[in-house]
Each structure stands twice: as structure tokens, then as C-alpha cells.
Amino acid sequence: MALTYETIGERLKEARQNVRLSQEMAAAAIGIDRTALTKIEKGTRTVTGLELQQLARLYRRDPGDFLADQPLQEDPFITIGRIDGNASVEWTQEVAHNVEILKEAVRLRELLGDKANVVPPSYQLPSPRTYEEAVEQGKEIAVLERERLKFGSGPIPDIVSLIASQGVWTAAVPFPSDVSGLFIAHQKYGLAIFVNQEHATVRQRFSYAHEYAHVLVDRSRGEHEPTSTKNRNDFIEKRANAFASEFLIPAAGVYETLERMHKGKPSRASSWIWDAATDEAMHHEVRSNALAHKICASDVALIAHEYMVSYDVAAIRLRDINAIFQKELKMLLEQKDQGNQLLRALKLSYDFQCSEQERENQPYLVRQLILLAIEAFRQEKISQGRFREVCQLADIPYEELIPVAMAGLLPEE
């Protein structure tokens, strides 16, 4: 498209409105009068380079966004900010900080000449018209994706690093309690998944898998809505839930686990074998203690731990693959506390109920940022001062990281 002063003005106006600033507020912030800003937005007055930089900073945008050939795309900060229109200043600042980390990571990646060569596949599927179709599509994609990633039927140890390895930025942010996650497909910043940092680890894992389904199937859609209680009944959300269940706790893997535990088998089993001596079929019936093969709360808890999902997800998955009946599911869900008590007693529930803020590990997005910064510094793409700024953004002492970045760079004396 032809870039005109009118186009630049329209983009500046849209960006201003997105951050809910009046013309008076924006003009005062950069030291010009309202009339001048009005003319800039109408395209009847040229915006200077300094003014463009100041407005871009005020609107939380990159100056280049207003001069690009492509139409202005909504900034991730605005996308996330729309989730809570009555957010506190602290919430807004924390979200802005996470988005700024994402942007800095993208800038460093571009400096290194790596523009996300790894991109997950895009599965072209029609929008599901029924619940059954949604579930079938979700499970089908999960099986295909597991095969592509060569995971077999075993657990996925670190869903966050797996998704990040596919070229998707990941971060936990302070969403409202009724929002579990959001994915963004942005022309400039790429693919990103945000989950609720207040939720327990196992719930975050499910949210990451759920949003990853949207990345695989729905990224060509228009505006992306957060996953929340408001849209939980939409068929595309049902599809993403079915994907997450099969992706995190595959039916084949659960059957293998039950086989190892000698659980889920009928109390009466029979078999037919061919007898070589008599040259005829022989029937054998084996009876066992009915309780020996019955799936109980401790079994559900151990399956949940093995696949790093919640007790509820494990129990519902057992029903989904017909390993238990509906009546048994209801009983097992009522025994959730007893099952989780086993994990606590065995010290297997170390962070099942911990939120992102309560864990000592650095958020994965911060890890990505720091590793990119170290590599950029070592390749002389950024200065020592820029490296210090990245450390400040990541809230990690510069003194702790500069020795790592400089290791092996200085000649030995």
C-alpha cells in the first residue's frame, strides 16, 4: 500500500485510541499543542522523527510500525490489555513488562539473523459443527503432532520448552481468575502463548497445550479471544480441550500405564487356545479378586503425576477412553483429596498447587531473553551497556550474568 501522511496519521490515531489516551493527554506528553497533534493525525502536518519516536514510546509501539508497508496490527500489550478493562495500575505495569521482554527478545533474535526459522505446522481444518466433530478433530491433531515430534505415548516432561522449541514465545502473566490463556499470531512478533501465572502448574500445562492447539489450527483466524469461562462452550474451544487431553495424556500411554499397574482388567477373563495334543480348541476361564483390578483414587493420582496433569484431568481421561464407567468417575472425583494426599505423602506433589509466582524457576520467556542476549553480546551484536539494560529488564543482576557472557572472550594472561 502507498504510504502517505494520511496513512501515518491514521495509524497514530488508532494507536493512541488503543491505549485510551485523549489528544490533549498525548499532545501534552510530548510537548506539543492539541491542534498540532490533530493535524498530524489528519495528515495535514508532517510528524518529525523525534515526535514519531516520542509518540511510539507513549503508545507502546515500535516507530517502524507506523512506517511499514503492512497495515498496523494491534500491539500484544493492547490485545492482552483488552482482557481486563478495569485493570489496576500494577496489573497493567506487569503485563507491559512481560510484553516488553517479548519485544526485546524479538529484537535480539533479529540481530542474530534468526527470524524464527522453526514454525509449527498449520493444520487446515474446517470449523467443527458439532461437539463430536470438535473432539474428533482435536484428538486427531494431537496424535499427528505427537508423531511429528516423536513423543510416542509417553509423558511430555516440559511442555513450555517444547512449545518454545517450535518457535512460539511463551509467558505467564497475571490474567483475571476466569481467564486461563491466550495465543497471539502477530506479523512482527510472531506466535506467542500467554497463560495465567496464578494457576497451579498442572493447570498451566493444560492451558499451554490448549493454546498450542489454537496455534496449530486457528492462527489464520482474525481476532484472537482469550480462553475463559465466557467462551468455554465454543466448538473451537472444545477442539482445543480435546487436543490438550490427548496431547498431554494420550490414550495409548494410559492403557500402557494401566497394564503395568494391572488395573482396569475384568475380574473374570477367558481365553481360547489351540491344543496340539488333542487338535482342538481349549477354553480357560480365570477368576481374580474384583478389587485387585479396580481403579482407585491412588491409581488416578499416580497417573496424574506420571503425565503431569491434574487429578481431575486424569480421572476424566480414564472415562474418556472407557477405562472406567460414569459411576466410577463420579466416585473417583469425590476422592480427589485422598488421591492428592498420597502424592503429598510420597513427596510427589512438589509444585502441583504452586503458581508461577510461588516457584523459584525463572519464567521461560526471561530465560529465552537472557540466552539471546548472551549470544548477541558474544557475537558483538550488542554493547555491554545494552546487555546491562537487558539484565535490568529481566530483573537479574548484571554482575551475575556478565561473567557468563564474557567467559572465554578475554585472552588469558
Protein backbone atom coordinates (compact mmCIF):
# COMPACT_ATOMS: atom_id res chain seq x y z
CA MET A 1 0.00 0.00 0.00
CA ALA A 2 1.16 3.58 -0.70
CA LEU A 3 2.45 5.21 2.47
CA THR A 4 1.08 8.75 2.79
CA TYR A 5 0.97 11.31 5.58
CA GLU A 6 -2.72 10.49 5.92
CA THR A 7 -1.91 6.80 6.43
CA ILE A 8 0.72 7.57 9.08
CA GLY A 9 -1.72 9.91 10.81
CA GLU A 10 -4.49 7.30 10.83
CA ARG A 11 -2.10 4.75 12.34
CA LEU A 12 -1.00 7.18 15.03
CA LYS A 13 -4.62 7.96 15.86
CA GLU A 14 -5.51 4.26 16.07
CA ALA A 15 -2.53 3.57 18.33
CA ARG A 16 -3.47 6.48 20.59
CA GLN A 17 -7.04 5.28 20.92
CA ASN A 18 -5.83 1.74 21.68
CA VAL A 19 -4.01 2.98 24.78
CA ARG A 20 -7.02 5.12 25.73
CA LEU A 21 -5.32 8.49 25.55
CA SER A 22 -7.08 11.68 24.51
CA GLN A 23 -5.48 14.08 22.06
CA GLU A 24 -4.89 16.52 24.91
CA MET A 25 -3.09 13.90 27.01
CA ALA A 26 -0.92 12.65 24.14
CA ALA A 27 -0.01 16.15 22.96
CA ALA A 28 0.92 17.27 26.47
CA ALA A 29 3.06 14.16 26.98
CA ILE A 30 5.33 15.02 24.02
CA GLY A 31 5.26 18.79 24.46
CA ILE A 32 3.11 19.96 21.54
CA ASP A 33 -0.35 21.51 21.46
CA ARG A 34 -3.52 19.59 20.67
CA THR A 35 -4.01 21.39 17.34
CA ALA A 36 -0.63 20.14 16.10
CA LEU A 37 -1.48 16.56 17.00
CA THR A 38 -4.87 16.89 15.32
CA LYS A 39 -3.14 17.98 12.10
CA ILE A 40 -0.64 15.11 12.36
CA GLU A 41 -3.45 12.59 12.70
CA LYS A 42 -5.27 14.12 9.72
CA GLY A 43 -2.10 14.06 7.62
CA THR A 44 -2.01 17.81 7.08
CA ARG A 45 1.16 18.25 9.15
CA THR A 46 4.35 16.21 8.90
CA VAL A 47 5.38 14.35 12.03
CA THR A 48 9.06 14.84 12.86
CA GLY A 49 11.37 11.94 13.63
CA LEU A 50 11.62 12.96 17.28
CA GLU A 51 7.83 13.29 17.60
CA LEU A 52 7.36 9.88 15.99
CA GLN A 53 9.76 8.30 18.48
CA GLN A 54 8.05 10.02 21.41
CA LEU A 55 4.56 9.03 20.26
CA ALA A 56 5.67 5.46 19.59
CA ARG A 57 7.08 5.20 23.11
CA LEU A 58 3.90 6.71 24.54
CA TYR A 59 1.70 4.31 22.57
CA ARG A 60 3.94 1.31 23.38
CA ARG A 61 4.78 0.75 19.73
CA ASP A 62 7.88 0.49 17.61
CA PRO A 63 8.39 3.63 15.46
CA GLY A 64 8.79 1.40 12.42
CA ASP A 65 5.25 0.10 12.87
CA PHE A 66 3.86 3.40 11.61
CA LEU A 67 6.07 3.37 8.50
CA ALA A 68 5.68 -0.29 7.50
CA ASP A 69 4.07 -1.35 4.22
CA GLN A 70 1.60 -3.63 6.01
CA PRO A 71 -1.44 -2.28 7.86
CA LEU A 72 -0.90 -1.54 11.55
CA GLN A 73 -1.54 -4.68 13.62
CA GLU A 74 -2.69 -4.48 17.21
CA ASP A 75 0.15 -4.48 19.71
CA PRO A 76 0.28 -7.55 22.01
CA PHE A 77 0.01 -5.23 25.02
CA ILE A 78 -3.31 -3.92 23.71
CA THR A 79 -4.54 -7.44 22.94
CA ILE A 80 -3.81 -8.59 26.48
CA GLY A 81 -4.98 -5.31 27.98
CA ARG A 82 -8.45 -5.74 26.47
CA ILE A 83 -8.95 -8.79 28.70
CA ASP A 84 -9.40 -6.67 31.80
CA GLY A 85 -10.79 -3.24 31.04
CA ASN A 86 -10.79 -2.28 34.73
CA ALA A 87 -7.27 -3.45 35.44
CA SER A 88 -5.21 -1.90 38.21
CA VAL A 89 -2.06 0.10 37.52
CA GLU A 90 0.03 -2.75 38.95
CA TRP A 91 -1.61 -5.28 36.60
CA THR A 92 -1.06 -3.02 33.60
CA GLN A 93 2.59 -2.48 34.52
CA GLU A 94 3.27 -6.20 34.92
CA VAL A 95 1.62 -7.05 31.60
CA ALA A 96 3.53 -4.23 29.90
CA HIS A 97 6.76 -5.58 31.39
CA ASN A 98 6.13 -9.07 30.01
CA VAL A 99 5.29 -7.68 26.57
CA GLU A 100 8.45 -5.55 26.61
CA ILE A 101 10.50 -8.66 27.38
CA LEU A 102 8.86 -10.35 24.39
CA LYS A 103 9.65 -7.39 22.12
CA GLU A 104 13.28 -7.19 23.27
CA ALA A 105 13.68 -10.93 22.68
CA VAL A 106 12.35 -10.48 19.14
CA ARG A 107 14.77 -7.60 18.53
CA LEU A 108 17.72 -9.67 19.76
CA ARG A 109 16.67 -12.63 17.64
CA GLU A 110 16.57 -10.38 14.57
CA LEU A 111 20.04 -9.01 15.41
CA LEU A 112 21.31 -12.57 15.42
CA GLY A 113 19.81 -13.10 11.97
CA ASP A 114 17.34 -15.70 13.20
CA LYS A 115 13.80 -14.84 12.20
CA ALA A 116 12.06 -17.86 13.68
CA ASN A 117 13.02 -20.45 11.09
CA VAL A 118 11.21 -23.04 13.18
CA VAL A 119 7.46 -22.64 12.87
CA PRO A 120 4.90 -25.27 13.90
CA PRO A 121 2.72 -26.70 11.12
CA SER A 122 -0.66 -25.21 10.37
CA TYR A 123 -3.35 -27.88 10.18
CA GLN A 124 -6.11 -26.84 7.81
CA LEU A 125 -9.42 -27.99 9.27
CA PRO A 126 -12.98 -26.79 8.78
CA SER A 127 -14.68 -25.22 11.77
CA PRO A 128 -16.36 -28.01 13.75
CA ARG A 129 -20.15 -28.01 13.53
CA THR A 130 -20.84 -30.41 16.40
CA TYR A 131 -19.31 -31.32 19.74
CA GLU A 132 -18.41 -34.78 18.43
CA GLU A 133 -16.65 -33.32 15.40
CA ALA A 134 -14.72 -30.89 17.58
CA VAL A 135 -13.47 -33.67 19.86
CA GLU A 136 -12.57 -35.91 16.93
CA GLN A 137 -10.58 -33.15 15.24
CA GLY A 138 -8.74 -32.26 18.44
CA LYS A 139 -7.69 -35.83 19.14
CA GLU A 140 -6.65 -36.39 15.52
CA ILE A 141 -4.36 -33.35 15.52
CA ALA A 142 -2.86 -34.36 18.88
CA VAL A 143 -1.96 -37.81 17.55
CA LEU A 144 -0.40 -36.31 14.40
CA GLU A 145 1.56 -33.73 16.39
CA ARG A 146 2.88 -36.34 18.82
CA GLU A 147 4.02 -38.42 15.85
CA ARG A 148 5.70 -35.41 14.25
CA LEU A 149 7.53 -34.59 17.48
CA LYS A 150 8.42 -38.27 18.00
CA PHE A 151 6.96 -38.43 21.51
CA GLY A 152 5.34 -41.83 21.22
CA SER A 153 2.86 -42.43 24.01
CA GLY A 154 4.98 -41.24 26.93
CA PRO A 155 4.64 -38.10 29.08
CA ILE A 156 5.82 -34.70 27.86
CA PRO A 157 8.25 -33.58 30.59
CA ASP A 158 8.41 -29.86 29.79
CA ILE A 159 5.54 -28.54 27.69
CA VAL A 160 6.86 -24.97 27.87
CA SER A 161 10.29 -25.70 26.40
CA LEU A 162 8.68 -27.98 23.81
CA ILE A 163 6.39 -25.21 22.57
CA ALA A 164 9.27 -22.71 22.67
CA SER A 165 11.36 -25.08 20.53
CA GLN A 166 8.66 -24.76 17.87
CA GLY A 167 9.27 -21.03 17.54
CA VAL A 168 6.47 -19.94 19.87
CA TRP A 169 7.12 -17.37 22.61
CA THR A 170 5.72 -18.42 25.99
CA ALA A 171 4.96 -16.40 29.09
CA ALA A 172 2.83 -16.47 32.23
CA VAL A 173 1.03 -13.21 33.04
CA PRO A 174 -1.43 -12.11 35.75
CA PHE A 175 -4.71 -12.77 33.95
CA PRO A 176 -8.04 -12.47 35.77
CA SER A 177 -9.03 -15.73 37.50
CA ASP A 178 -11.61 -16.66 34.84
CA VAL A 179 -9.03 -16.45 32.01
CA SER A 180 -6.69 -19.39 31.52
CA GLY A 181 -4.75 -18.39 28.43
CA LEU A 182 -4.39 -16.53 25.15
CA PHE A 183 -2.46 -17.07 21.94
CA ILE A 184 -1.36 -14.34 19.55
CA ALA A 185 -0.28 -14.59 15.91
CA HIS A 186 1.47 -11.30 15.16
CA GLN A 187 3.11 -10.28 11.89
CA LYS A 188 6.07 -8.67 13.65
CA TYR A 189 6.43 -10.55 16.92
CA GLY A 190 5.43 -13.99 15.70
CA LEU A 191 3.50 -16.62 17.64
CA ALA A 192 3.07 -16.27 21.39
CA ILE A 193 1.20 -18.08 24.13
CA PHE A 194 0.31 -16.46 27.45
CA VAL A 195 -1.15 -18.39 30.40
CA ASN A 196 -2.39 -17.37 33.84
CA GLN A 197 0.54 -17.21 36.24
CA GLU A 198 -1.81 -17.53 39.23
CA HIS A 199 -2.94 -21.02 38.23
CA ALA A 200 -1.34 -24.22 39.51
CA THR A 201 1.41 -25.85 37.45
CA VAL A 202 -0.74 -28.68 36.15
CA ARG A 203 -3.43 -26.26 35.05
CA GLN A 204 -0.84 -24.10 33.31
CA ARG A 205 0.43 -27.18 31.46
CA PHE A 206 -3.09 -27.88 30.20
CA SER A 207 -3.50 -24.22 29.22
CA TYR A 208 -0.23 -24.27 27.28
CA ALA A 209 -1.37 -27.38 25.40
CA HIS A 210 -4.81 -25.86 24.81
CA GLU A 211 -3.36 -22.64 23.37
CA TYR A 212 -0.86 -24.67 21.32
CA ALA A 213 -3.86 -26.29 19.64
CA HIS A 214 -5.05 -22.82 18.64
CA VAL A 215 -1.58 -22.08 17.25
CA LEU A 216 -1.72 -25.25 15.14
CA VAL A 217 -5.27 -24.86 13.85
CA ASP A 218 -6.62 -21.36 14.44
CA ARG A 219 -3.77 -18.92 13.85
CA SER A 220 -5.15 -17.83 10.48
CA ARG A 221 -8.37 -16.67 12.11
CA GLY A 222 -8.94 -12.96 12.68
CA GLU A 223 -9.07 -11.58 16.21
CA HIS A 224 -7.91 -14.00 18.88
CA GLU A 225 -10.00 -14.25 22.03
CA PRO A 226 -8.67 -15.42 25.40
CA THR A 227 -9.72 -18.81 26.71
CA SER A 228 -12.15 -18.09 29.53
CA THR A 229 -15.39 -19.17 31.14
CA LYS A 230 -17.21 -16.91 28.66
CA ASN A 231 -16.36 -18.93 25.55
CA ARG A 232 -15.79 -22.38 27.05
CA ASN A 233 -18.72 -23.84 25.10
CA ASP A 234 -17.48 -22.73 21.67
CA PHE A 235 -16.67 -25.70 19.46
CA ILE A 236 -13.16 -24.46 18.68
CA GLU A 237 -12.51 -24.34 22.44
CA LYS A 238 -13.85 -27.88 22.78
CA ARG A 239 -11.49 -28.91 19.98
CA ALA A 240 -8.55 -27.33 21.79
CA ASN A 241 -9.52 -29.10 25.04
CA ALA A 242 -9.69 -32.45 23.25
CA PHE A 243 -6.27 -31.77 21.74
CA ALA A 244 -4.77 -30.89 25.13
CA SER A 245 -6.14 -34.06 26.73
CA GLU A 246 -4.82 -36.38 24.02
CA PHE A 247 -1.55 -34.46 23.67
CA LEU A 248 -0.70 -34.47 27.38
CA ILE A 249 -2.17 -37.82 28.39
CA PRO A 250 -2.58 -40.00 25.27
CA ALA A 251 -4.95 -42.93 25.34
CA ALA A 252 -2.24 -45.39 24.28
CA GLY A 253 0.00 -44.24 27.12
CA VAL A 254 -2.75 -44.54 29.73
CA TYR A 255 -3.55 -48.07 28.58
CA GLU A 256 0.14 -48.98 28.89
CA THR A 257 0.26 -47.50 32.40
CA LEU A 258 -2.86 -49.39 33.46
CA GLU A 259 -1.33 -52.57 32.06
CA ARG A 260 1.80 -52.07 34.17
CA MET A 261 -0.37 -51.44 37.22
CA HIS A 262 -2.53 -54.49 36.45
CA LYS A 263 -5.56 -52.25 36.72
CA GLY A 264 -8.69 -51.85 34.66
CA LYS A 265 -8.97 -55.52 33.76
CA PRO A 266 -12.19 -57.50 34.19
CA SER A 267 -12.38 -59.73 37.27
CA ARG A 268 -13.27 -62.66 35.03
CA ALA A 269 -11.18 -63.39 31.95
CA SER A 270 -11.32 -66.21 29.48
CA SER A 271 -9.13 -67.35 26.64
CA TRP A 272 -9.19 -69.88 23.86
CA ILE A 273 -6.02 -71.69 22.78
CA TRP A 274 -5.36 -74.48 20.36
CA ASP A 275 -4.26 -77.76 21.95
CA ALA A 276 -1.68 -79.56 19.83
CA ALA A 277 -2.25 -82.88 21.62
CA THR A 278 -5.98 -83.08 21.04
CA ASP A 279 -6.03 -80.95 17.90
CA GLU A 280 -8.92 -78.92 19.22
CA ALA A 281 -9.64 -75.62 20.93
CA MET A 282 -9.42 -75.46 24.73
CA HIS A 283 -11.32 -72.87 26.80
CA HIS A 284 -9.81 -71.46 30.01
CA GLU A 285 -11.52 -69.13 32.46
CA VAL A 286 -9.60 -67.20 35.11
CA ARG A 287 -11.25 -65.52 38.09
CA SER A 288 -9.46 -62.95 40.23
CA ASN A 289 -10.26 -60.68 43.14
CA ALA A 290 -12.53 -57.96 41.75
CA LEU A 291 -10.82 -55.30 43.90
CA ALA A 292 -7.38 -56.22 42.57
CA HIS A 293 -8.06 -54.71 39.15
CA LYS A 294 -10.37 -51.89 40.20
CA ILE A 295 -9.01 -48.41 39.52
CA CYS A 296 -8.92 -46.40 42.75
CA ALA A 297 -8.01 -42.87 43.81
CA SER A 298 -4.35 -43.72 44.33
CA ASP A 299 -4.12 -45.08 40.77
CA VAL A 300 -5.61 -41.88 39.36
CA ALA A 301 -3.18 -39.78 41.41
CA LEU A 302 -0.17 -41.77 40.17
CA ILE A 303 -1.32 -41.48 36.55
CA ALA A 304 -1.78 -37.74 37.07
CA HIS A 305 1.75 -37.49 38.44
CA GLU A 306 3.26 -39.56 35.63
CA TYR A 307 1.71 -37.38 32.93
CA MET A 308 1.97 -34.16 34.96
CA VAL A 309 -1.71 -33.29 34.77
CA SER A 310 -4.27 -32.62 37.48
CA TYR A 311 -6.13 -35.39 39.28
CA ASP A 312 -9.37 -34.27 37.62
CA VAL A 313 -7.88 -34.41 34.13
CA ALA A 314 -6.51 -37.91 34.74
CA ALA A 315 -9.84 -39.18 36.07
CA ILE A 316 -11.85 -37.68 33.22
CA ARG A 317 -9.34 -39.05 30.71
CA LEU A 318 -9.88 -42.55 32.11
CA ARG A 319 -13.59 -42.15 31.46
CA ASP A 320 -12.93 -40.69 28.03
CA ILE A 321 -11.02 -43.80 26.94
CA ASN A 322 -13.64 -46.09 28.54
CA ALA A 323 -11.29 -47.42 31.21
CA ILE A 324 -13.96 -46.65 33.84
CA PHE A 325 -17.72 -46.13 33.87
CA GLN A 326 -19.50 -42.86 34.61
CA LYS A 327 -20.45 -44.06 38.08
CA GLU A 328 -16.80 -44.82 38.84
CA LEU A 329 -15.74 -41.41 37.54
CA LYS A 330 -18.11 -39.67 39.92
CA MET A 331 -16.77 -41.70 42.84
CA LEU A 332 -13.13 -41.07 41.89
CA LEU A 333 -13.69 -37.34 41.56
CA GLU A 334 -15.17 -37.31 45.05
CA GLN A 335 -11.95 -38.97 46.28
CA LYS A 336 -9.68 -36.30 44.80
CA ASP A 337 -8.39 -35.12 48.19
CA GLN A 338 -7.39 -38.66 49.17
CA GLY A 339 -5.56 -39.16 45.88
CA ASN A 340 -3.63 -35.91 46.19
CA GLN A 341 -2.86 -36.75 49.81
CA LEU A 342 -0.95 -39.79 48.54
CA LEU A 343 1.20 -37.58 46.31
CA ARG A 344 1.95 -35.25 49.20
CA ALA A 345 2.83 -38.15 51.46
CA LEU A 346 5.18 -39.55 48.82
CA LYS A 347 6.57 -36.05 48.16
CA LEU A 348 5.45 -36.26 44.55
CA SER A 349 3.31 -33.12 44.54
CA TYR A 350 6.16 -30.64 44.87
CA ASP A 351 4.52 -27.92 42.78
CA PHE A 352 1.12 -29.24 41.77
CA GLN A 353 -0.63 -26.38 43.52
CA CYS A 354 2.06 -23.73 43.07
CA SER A 355 1.51 -20.73 40.86
CA GLU A 356 4.17 -19.18 38.63
CA GLN A 357 4.96 -16.56 41.28
CA GLU A 358 5.49 -19.15 44.02
CA ARG A 359 8.06 -21.20 42.09
CA GLU A 360 11.72 -20.25 42.17
CA ASN A 361 12.37 -21.01 38.49
CA GLN A 362 12.76 -18.06 36.14
CA PRO A 363 9.85 -17.64 33.70
CA TYR A 364 10.70 -19.26 30.38
CA LEU A 365 10.38 -16.01 28.44
CA VAL A 366 13.05 -14.48 30.68
CA ARG A 367 15.29 -17.48 30.01
CA GLN A 368 14.82 -17.02 26.26
CA LEU A 369 15.64 -13.32 26.54
CA ILE A 370 18.83 -13.86 28.55
CA LEU A 371 20.15 -16.62 26.30
CA LEU A 372 19.56 -14.45 23.24
CA ALA A 373 21.28 -11.51 24.95
CA ILE A 374 24.33 -13.58 25.88
CA GLU A 375 24.66 -14.86 22.33
CA ALA A 376 24.18 -11.37 20.87
CA PHE A 377 26.83 -9.97 23.21
CA ARG A 378 29.30 -12.74 22.37
CA GLN A 379 28.77 -12.10 18.66
CA GLU A 380 29.31 -8.35 19.22
CA LYS A 381 25.77 -7.54 18.07
CA ILE A 382 25.06 -5.57 21.25
CA SER A 383 27.23 -3.50 23.56
CA GLN A 384 27.96 -4.09 27.21
CA GLY A 385 25.59 -1.23 28.02
CA ARG A 386 22.77 -2.84 26.03
CA PHE A 387 23.47 -6.13 27.80
CA ARG A 388 23.14 -4.33 31.14
CA GLU A 389 19.75 -2.94 30.04
CA VAL A 390 18.56 -6.44 29.13
CA CYS A 391 19.59 -7.70 32.57
CA GLN A 392 17.61 -4.87 34.17
CA LEU A 393 14.58 -5.74 32.05
CA ALA A 394 14.88 -9.38 33.11
CA ASP A 395 15.38 -8.31 36.76
CA ILE A 396 18.58 -10.34 37.03
CA PRO A 397 21.74 -8.71 38.45
CA TYR A 398 24.11 -7.70 35.67
CA GLU A 399 27.05 -8.77 37.83
CA GLU A 400 25.77 -12.36 37.82
CA LEU A 401 25.49 -12.63 34.05
CA ILE A 402 28.32 -10.57 32.56
CA PRO A 403 30.97 -13.14 33.63
CA VAL A 404 28.94 -15.81 31.84
CA ALA A 405 28.63 -13.70 28.71
CA MET A 406 32.36 -12.87 28.69
CA ALA A 407 33.60 -16.37 29.51
CA GLY A 408 36.31 -17.30 27.01
CA LEU A 409 36.19 -13.95 25.20
CA LEU A 410 39.11 -12.30 27.00
CA PRO A 411 42.62 -13.55 26.22
CA GLU A 412 44.28 -15.40 29.07
CA GLU A 413 47.21 -13.59 30.68
